[in-house]
C-alpha atoms as a PDB file:
ATOM      1  CA  MET A   1     109.171  95.585  95.777  1.00  0.00           C
ATOM      2  CA  GLY A   2     111.471  92.990  94.257  1.00  0.00           C
ATOM      3  CA  GLY A   3     112.255  89.557  95.488  1.00  0.00           C
ATOM      4  CA  LYS A   4     114.806  86.801  94.839  1.00  0.00           C
ATOM      5  CA  SER A   5     112.763  84.788  92.217  1.00  0.00           C
ATOM      6  CA  LYS A   6     113.342  85.541  88.462  1.00  0.00           C
ATOM      7  CA  SER A   7     111.407  82.617  87.267  1.00  0.00           C
ATOM      8  CA  PRO A   8     109.486  83.864  83.992  1.00  0.00           C
ATOM      9  CA  VAL A   9     106.841  81.179  84.787  1.00  0.00           C
ATOM     10  CA  ALA A  10     105.956  82.878  88.181  1.00  0.00           C
ATOM     11  CA  HIS A  11     105.854  86.493  86.241  1.00  0.00           C
ATOM     12  CA  GLU A  12     103.543  84.949  83.536  1.00  0.00           C
ATOM     13  CA  THR A  13     101.306  83.620  86.281  1.00  0.00           C
ATOM     14  CA  PHE A  14     100.992  86.726  88.249  1.00  0.00           C
ATOM     15  CA  GLU A  15     100.761  89.095  85.117  1.00  0.00           C
ATOM     16  CA  PRO A  16      96.820  89.389  85.796  1.00  0.00           C
ATOM     17  CA  ILE A  17      97.645  90.582  89.349  1.00  0.00           C
ATOM     18  CA  TYR A  18     100.320  93.001  88.139  1.00  0.00           C
ATOM     19  CA  GLN A  19      97.854  94.514  85.688  1.00  0.00           C
ATOM     20  CA  ALA A  20      95.514  95.037  88.402  1.00  0.00           C
ATOM     21  CA  ILE A  21      97.741  96.739  90.616  1.00  0.00           C
ATOM     22  CA  ARG A  22      98.997  98.872  87.972  1.00  0.00           C
ATOM     23  CA  GLU A  23      95.192 100.068  87.375  1.00  0.00           C
ATOM     24  CA  ILE A  24      94.868 101.290  91.143  1.00  0.00           C
ATOM     25  CA  PRO A  25      94.320 105.070  90.471  1.00  0.00           C
ATOM     26  CA  GLN A  26      96.588 107.446  92.227  1.00  0.00           C
ATOM     27  CA  GLY A  27      95.063 108.558  95.662  1.00  0.00           C
ATOM     28  CA  ARG A  28      93.443 105.056  96.139  1.00  0.00           C
ATOM     29  CA  ILE A  29      94.260 101.987  97.917  1.00  0.00           C
ATOM     30  CA  ALA A  30      93.402  98.219  97.436  1.00  0.00           C
ATOM     31  CA  THR A  31      93.680  95.455  99.859  1.00  0.00           C
ATOM     32  CA  TYR A  32      95.612  92.229  98.929  1.00  0.00           C
ATOM     33  CA  SER A  33      92.370  90.398  98.984  1.00  0.00           C
ATOM     34  CA  ASP A  34      90.700  93.223  97.004  1.00  0.00           C
ATOM     35  CA  VAL A  35      93.158  92.603  94.169  1.00  0.00           C
ATOM     36  CA  GLY A  36      92.872  88.897  94.624  1.00  0.00           C
ATOM     37  CA  LEU A  37      89.128  89.261  94.248  1.00  0.00           C
ATOM     38  CA  VAL A  38      89.342  91.380  91.285  1.00  0.00           C
ATOM     39  CA  CYS A  39      91.788  88.740  89.432  1.00  0.00           C
ATOM     40  CA  GLY A  40      89.249  85.958  90.220  1.00  0.00           C
ATOM     41  CA  TYR A  41      90.936  84.643  93.449  1.00  0.00           C
ATOM     42  CA  PRO A  42      88.249  84.761  96.255  1.00  0.00           C
ATOM     43  CA  ARG A  43      90.414  84.776  99.384  1.00  0.00           C
ATOM     44  CA  GLY A  44      93.468  85.324  97.239  1.00  0.00           C
ATOM     45  CA  GLY A  45      95.433  87.988  99.264  1.00  0.00           C
ATOM     46  CA  ARG A  46      98.336  85.489  99.811  1.00  0.00           C
ATOM     47  CA  VAL A  47      98.598  84.873  96.119  1.00  0.00           C
ATOM     48  CA  VAL A  48      98.920  88.904  95.597  1.00  0.00           C
ATOM     49  CA  ALA A  49     101.279  89.040  98.505  1.00  0.00           C
ATOM     50  CA  ARG A  50     103.506  86.464  96.861  1.00  0.00           C
ATOM     51  CA  ALA A  51     103.285  88.237  93.396  1.00  0.00           C
ATOM     52  CA  LEU A  52     104.455  91.332  94.976  1.00  0.00           C
ATOM     53  CA  ARG A  53     107.227  89.615  96.738  1.00  0.00           C
ATOM     54  CA  VAL A  54     108.604  88.221  93.327  1.00  0.00           C
ATOM     55  CA  SER A  55     107.977  91.282  91.428  1.00  0.00           C
ATOM     56  CA  THR A  56     110.968  93.576  90.061  1.00  0.00           C
ATOM     57  CA  LYS A  57     111.334  97.189  89.312  1.00  0.00           C
ATOM     58  CA  GLU A  58     110.807  96.028  85.448  1.00  0.00           C
ATOM     59  CA  HIS A  59     107.165  95.529  86.344  1.00  0.00           C
ATOM     60  CA  LEU A  60     106.746  99.094  87.320  1.00  0.00           C
ATOM     61  CA  LEU A  61     104.228  98.526  89.723  1.00  0.00           C
ATOM     62  CA  PRO A  62     102.571 100.859  92.304  1.00  0.00           C
ATOM     63  CA  TRP A  63     103.051  98.370  94.843  1.00  0.00           C
ATOM     64  CA  TYR A  64     102.749 100.851  97.934  1.00  0.00           C
ATOM     65  CA  ARG A  65      98.990 101.213  96.840  1.00  0.00           C
ATOM     66  CA  VAL A  66      98.268  97.685  98.203  1.00  0.00           C
ATOM     67  CA  MET A  67      97.773  97.254 101.751  1.00  0.00           C
ATOM     68  CA  GLY A  68      96.669  94.689 104.363  1.00  0.00           C
ATOM     69  CA  LYS A  69      92.912  94.755 105.582  1.00  0.00           C
ATOM     70  CA  SER A  70      92.294  95.478 109.143  1.00  0.00           C
ATOM     71  CA  SER A  71      89.076  95.201 111.049  1.00  0.00           C
ATOM     72  CA  GLY A  72      85.937  96.828 109.605  1.00  0.00           C
ATOM     73  CA  SER A  73      86.703  99.220 106.808  1.00  0.00           C
ATOM     74  CA  TRP A  74      90.275  99.987 107.483  1.00  0.00           C
ATOM     75  CA  ALA A  75      93.548  99.092 105.896  1.00  0.00           C
ATOM     76  CA  HIS A  76      97.004  99.341 107.222  1.00  0.00           C
ATOM     77  CA  ILE A  77     100.472  98.845 106.018  1.00  0.00           C
ATOM     78  CA  ALA A  78     101.567  95.291 106.071  1.00  0.00           C
ATOM     79  CA  ILE A  79     105.016  95.376 105.232  1.00  0.00           C
ATOM     80  CA  ARG A  80     107.240  94.542 108.181  1.00  0.00           C
ATOM     81  CA  SER A  81     110.429  96.415 107.071  1.00  0.00           C
ATOM     82  CA  PRO A  82     110.379  99.801 108.978  1.00  0.00           C
ATOM     83  CA  GLY A  83     112.238 101.403 105.942  1.00  0.00           C
ATOM     84  CA  LEU A  84     109.757 100.065 103.354  1.00  0.00           C
ATOM     85  CA  ALA A  85     106.599 100.840 105.530  1.00  0.00           C
ATOM     86  CA  SER A  86     107.980 104.661 105.926  1.00  0.00           C
ATOM     87  CA  ILE A  87     108.230 104.710 102.103  1.00  0.00           C
ATOM     88  CA  GLN A  88     104.971 103.367 101.553  1.00  0.00           C
ATOM     89  CA  ARG A  89     103.399 105.723 103.730  1.00  0.00           C
ATOM     90  CA  GLN A  90     105.175 108.662 102.348  1.00  0.00           C
ATOM     91  CA  MET A  91     104.176 107.818  98.745  1.00  0.00           C
ATOM     92  CA  LEU A  92     100.435 107.340  99.757  1.00  0.00           C
ATOM     93  CA  GLU A  93     100.352 110.627 101.628  1.00  0.00           C
ATOM     94  CA  SER A  94     102.051 112.325  98.584  1.00  0.00           C
ATOM     95  CA  GLU A  95      99.095 111.098  96.577  1.00  0.00           C
ATOM     96  CA  GLY A  96      96.507 112.712  99.188  1.00  0.00           C
ATOM     97  CA  VAL A  97      95.887 109.356 101.109  1.00  0.00           C
ATOM     98  CA  VAL A  98      95.218 110.372 104.859  1.00  0.00           C
ATOM     99  CA  PHE A  99      96.170 108.071 107.774  1.00  0.00           C
ATOM    100  CA  SER A 100      94.496 107.993 111.030  1.00  0.00           C
ATOM    101  CA  ARG A 101      96.107 108.536 114.216  1.00  0.00           C
ATOM    102  CA  ASN A 102      96.836 104.760 114.665  1.00  0.00           C
ATOM    103  CA  GLY A 103      98.155 104.538 111.028  1.00  0.00           C
ATOM    104  CA  LYS A 104      95.328 103.041 109.512  1.00  0.00           C
ATOM    105  CA  VAL A 105      93.542 104.179 106.239  1.00  0.00           C
ATOM    106  CA  SER A 106      89.855 104.379 105.376  1.00  0.00           C
ATOM    107  CA  LEU A 107      88.616 101.883 102.882  1.00  0.00           C
ATOM    108  CA  LYS A 108      85.423 104.053 102.728  1.00  0.00           C
ATOM    109  CA  GLN A 109      87.326 106.951 101.608  1.00  0.00           C
ATOM    110  CA  PHE A 110      90.235 105.653  99.753  1.00  0.00           C
ATOM    111  CA  GLY A 111      89.335 102.039  98.834  1.00  0.00           C
ATOM    112  CA  LEU A 112      89.457 101.131  95.238  1.00  0.00           C
ATOM    113  CA  LEU A 113      86.362  98.785  95.437  1.00  0.00           C
ATOM    114  CA  GLN A 114      84.524 101.982  96.583  1.00  0.00           C
ATOM    115  CA  LEU A 115      84.818 103.075  92.902  1.00  0.00           C
ATOM    116  CA  LEU A 116      83.279  99.990  91.345  1.00  0.00           C
END
């Protein structure tokens, strides 16, 4: 992703989040709140979103495996940029993740926490 902040303090603080994102297996997804929960931040979806916003290419994150939570057991692409949203979908589909007709992904089938 990559944001404007180059603060080493922010990146040190977010390193556990970055590590959790790196560990999402190919062909699986996690919601922002799932990653926050795994890192000890209950209801920490916004913290995870912030960490991704300030990440750089050097972090080598599979950012596209993190999605927004929809109702029930579905996830959706939360990126508002049509170009990045399209890239995210293409990357996930290349790993075998299947989208429903309305553009959502089943957490029951592809969600990371289903493995735990």
